[in-house]
Amino acid sequence: MVFRRLLAALLHSPQLVERLSESRPIRRAAQLTAFALLQAQLRGKDAARRLRGIAAGPAGSLCRRAARFRDTFNQELRRGLRDRPGSPPGSQRRSGADP
């Protein structure tokens, strides 16, 4: 409790904030933060541009891709369930269980 108040008092001190902002580790941390934010923003814009390009392609292109993904996913799921050794859990009845 006392530590929090002391820390809050120090961080609200303009002189301390000014001295910290001039220190090399704080400046470097600010540079890295700004770089990371800028890179994330640029990558987000690039991804949005690519998605718009896919959506603006030939009519129905995105729908065909989604349908092909769905069909392939269903085929692989059925194949995996069929090729799985043993039966699915819960499908076997115990010999003494009541229905």
C-alpha atoms as a PDB file:
ATOM      1  CA  MET A   1       0.000   0.000   0.000  1.00  0.00           C
ATOM      2  CA  VAL A   2       2.755   2.410   0.967  1.00  0.00           C
ATOM      3  CA  PHE A   3       4.822   1.263  -2.007  1.00  0.00           C
ATOM      4  CA  ARG A   4       1.948   2.045  -4.396  1.00  0.00           C
ATOM      5  CA  ARG A   5       1.538   5.549  -3.022  1.00  0.00           C
ATOM      6  CA  LEU A   6       5.257   6.187  -3.241  1.00  0.00           C
ATOM      7  CA  LEU A   7       5.416   4.898  -6.802  1.00  0.00           C
ATOM      8  CA  ALA A   8       2.378   6.969  -7.810  1.00  0.00           C
ATOM      9  CA  ALA A   9       3.915  10.080  -6.274  1.00  0.00           C
ATOM     10  CA  LEU A  10       7.166   9.498  -8.135  1.00  0.00           C
ATOM     11  CA  LEU A  11       5.466   8.876 -11.476  1.00  0.00           C
ATOM     12  CA  HIS A  12       3.438  12.076 -11.137  1.00  0.00           C
ATOM     13  CA  SER A  13       6.588  14.075 -10.626  1.00  0.00           C
ATOM     14  CA  PRO A  14       7.319  16.034 -13.848  1.00  0.00           C
ATOM     15  CA  GLN A  15      11.050  16.240 -13.096  1.00  0.00           C
ATOM     16  CA  LEU A  16      11.391  12.474 -12.673  1.00  0.00           C
ATOM     17  CA  VAL A  17       9.376  11.744 -15.806  1.00  0.00           C
ATOM     18  CA  GLU A  18      11.553  14.184 -17.755  1.00  0.00           C
ATOM     19  CA  ARG A  19      14.780  12.590 -16.496  1.00  0.00           C
ATOM     20  CA  LEU A  20      13.504   9.089 -17.262  1.00  0.00           C
ATOM     21  CA  SER A  21      12.442  10.116 -20.767  1.00  0.00           C
ATOM     22  CA  GLU A  22      15.986  11.281 -21.448  1.00  0.00           C
ATOM     23  CA  SER A  23      17.542   8.010 -20.297  1.00  0.00           C
ATOM     24  CA  ARG A  24      18.866   5.636 -22.929  1.00  0.00           C
ATOM     25  CA  PRO A  25      16.870   2.507 -21.876  1.00  0.00           C
ATOM     26  CA  ILE A  26      13.565   4.385 -21.873  1.00  0.00           C
ATOM     27  CA  ARG A  27      14.294   6.007 -25.247  1.00  0.00           C
ATOM     28  CA  ARG A  28      15.216   2.619 -26.708  1.00  0.00           C
ATOM     29  CA  ALA A  29      12.064   1.017 -25.313  1.00  0.00           C
ATOM     30  CA  ALA A  30      10.000   3.816 -26.885  1.00  0.00           C
ATOM     31  CA  GLN A  31      11.746   3.303 -30.236  1.00  0.00           C
ATOM     32  CA  LEU A  32      11.096  -0.444 -30.180  1.00  0.00           C
ATOM     33  CA  THR A  33       7.471   0.091 -29.201  1.00  0.00           C
ATOM     34  CA  ALA A  34       6.957   2.597 -32.025  1.00  0.00           C
ATOM     35  CA  PHE A  35       8.656   0.231 -34.487  1.00  0.00           C
ATOM     36  CA  ALA A  36       6.492  -2.720 -33.425  1.00  0.00           C
ATOM     37  CA  LEU A  37       3.294  -0.678 -33.688  1.00  0.00           C
ATOM     38  CA  LEU A  38       4.246   0.640 -37.132  1.00  0.00           C
ATOM     39  CA  GLN A  39       5.099  -2.846 -38.391  1.00  0.00           C
ATOM     40  CA  ALA A  40       1.798  -4.233 -37.084  1.00  0.00           C
ATOM     41  CA  GLN A  41      -0.100  -1.409 -38.761  1.00  0.00           C
ATOM     42  CA  LEU A  42       1.681  -1.969 -42.096  1.00  0.00           C
ATOM     43  CA  ARG A  43       1.094  -5.722 -41.963  1.00  0.00           C
ATOM     44  CA  GLY A  44      -2.567  -5.159 -41.145  1.00  0.00           C
ATOM     45  CA  LYS A  45      -2.962  -2.823 -44.102  1.00  0.00           C
ATOM     46  CA  ASP A  46      -1.204  -5.307 -46.369  1.00  0.00           C
ATOM     47  CA  ALA A  47      -3.444  -8.162 -45.212  1.00  0.00           C
ATOM     48  CA  ALA A  48      -6.556  -6.016 -45.733  1.00  0.00           C
ATOM     49  CA  ARG A  49      -5.348  -5.105 -49.234  1.00  0.00           C
ATOM     50  CA  ARG A  50      -4.818  -8.785 -50.086  1.00  0.00           C
ATOM     51  CA  LEU A  51      -8.272  -9.704 -48.761  1.00  0.00           C
ATOM     52  CA  ARG A  52      -9.853  -6.947 -50.808  1.00  0.00           C
ATOM     53  CA  GLY A  53      -7.995  -8.270 -53.843  1.00  0.00           C
ATOM     54  CA  ILE A  54      -9.337 -11.774 -53.252  1.00  0.00           C
ATOM     55  CA  ALA A  55     -12.877 -10.498 -52.688  1.00  0.00           C
ATOM     56  CA  ALA A  56     -12.716  -8.212 -55.737  1.00  0.00           C
ATOM     57  CA  GLY A  57     -11.557 -11.068 -57.971  1.00  0.00           C
ATOM     58  CA  PRO A  58     -13.847 -12.850 -60.406  1.00  0.00           C
ATOM     59  CA  ALA A  59     -17.440 -13.048 -59.208  1.00  0.00           C
ATOM     60  CA  GLY A  60     -17.914 -15.949 -56.813  1.00  0.00           C
ATOM     61  CA  SER A  61     -14.183 -16.655 -56.427  1.00  0.00           C
ATOM     62  CA  LEU A  62     -14.297 -16.243 -52.668  1.00  0.00           C
ATOM     63  CA  CYS A  63     -17.456 -18.356 -52.430  1.00  0.00           C
ATOM     64  CA  ARG A  64     -15.856 -21.124 -54.491  1.00  0.00           C
ATOM     65  CA  ARG A  65     -12.784 -21.087 -52.247  1.00  0.00           C
ATOM     66  CA  ALA A  66     -14.928 -21.299 -49.117  1.00  0.00           C
ATOM     67  CA  ALA A  67     -16.994 -24.150 -50.595  1.00  0.00           C
ATOM     68  CA  ARG A  68     -13.841 -26.021 -51.633  1.00  0.00           C
ATOM     69  CA  PHE A  69     -12.390 -25.589 -48.139  1.00  0.00           C
ATOM     70  CA  ARG A  70     -15.630 -26.852 -46.569  1.00  0.00           C
ATOM     71  CA  ASP A  71     -15.766 -29.887 -48.870  1.00  0.00           C
ATOM     72  CA  THR A  72     -12.113 -30.777 -48.296  1.00  0.00           C
ATOM     73  CA  PHE A  73     -12.497 -30.355 -44.538  1.00  0.00           C
ATOM     74  CA  ASN A  74     -15.545 -32.629 -44.491  1.00  0.00           C
ATOM     75  CA  GLN A  75     -13.789 -35.275 -46.602  1.00  0.00           C
ATOM     76  CA  GLU A  76     -10.726 -35.266 -44.367  1.00  0.00           C
ATOM     77  CA  LEU A  77     -12.855 -35.407 -41.222  1.00  0.00           C
ATOM     78  CA  ARG A  78     -14.852 -38.378 -42.516  1.00  0.00           C
ATOM     79  CA  ARG A  79     -11.682 -40.132 -43.665  1.00  0.00           C
ATOM     80  CA  GLY A  80     -10.072 -39.581 -40.284  1.00  0.00           C
ATOM     81  CA  LEU A  81     -13.107 -40.915 -38.433  1.00  0.00           C
ATOM     82  CA  ARG A  82     -13.362 -43.918 -40.755  1.00  0.00           C
ATOM     83  CA  ASP A  83      -9.653 -44.815 -40.576  1.00  0.00           C
ATOM     84  CA  ARG A  84      -9.428 -44.398 -36.814  1.00  0.00           C
ATOM     85  CA  PRO A  85      -8.655 -47.657 -34.999  1.00  0.00           C
ATOM     86  CA  GLY A  86     -11.369 -48.792 -32.611  1.00  0.00           C
ATOM     87  CA  SER A  87     -14.850 -47.439 -32.235  1.00  0.00           C
ATOM     88  CA  PRO A  88     -15.788 -43.940 -31.092  1.00  0.00           C
ATOM     89  CA  PRO A  89     -15.896 -43.330 -27.344  1.00  0.00           C
ATOM     90  CA  GLY A  90     -19.314 -43.838 -25.848  1.00  0.00           C
ATOM     91  CA  SER A  91     -20.565 -46.047 -28.677  1.00  0.00           C
ATOM     92  CA  GLN A  92     -20.034 -49.297 -26.784  1.00  0.00           C
ATOM     93  CA  ARG A  93     -22.518 -50.398 -24.166  1.00  0.00           C
ATOM     94  CA  ARG A  94     -21.337 -52.003 -21.014  1.00  0.00           C
ATOM     95  CA  SER A  95     -22.668 -55.514 -20.462  1.00  0.00           C
ATOM     96  CA  GLY A  96     -24.535 -54.697 -17.262  1.00  0.00           C
ATOM     97  CA  ALA A  97     -25.831 -51.216 -18.120  1.00  0.00           C
ATOM     98  CA  ASP A  98     -29.522 -50.405 -18.320  1.00  0.00           C
ATOM     99  CA  PRO A  99     -30.689 -48.525 -21.431  1.00  0.00           C
END
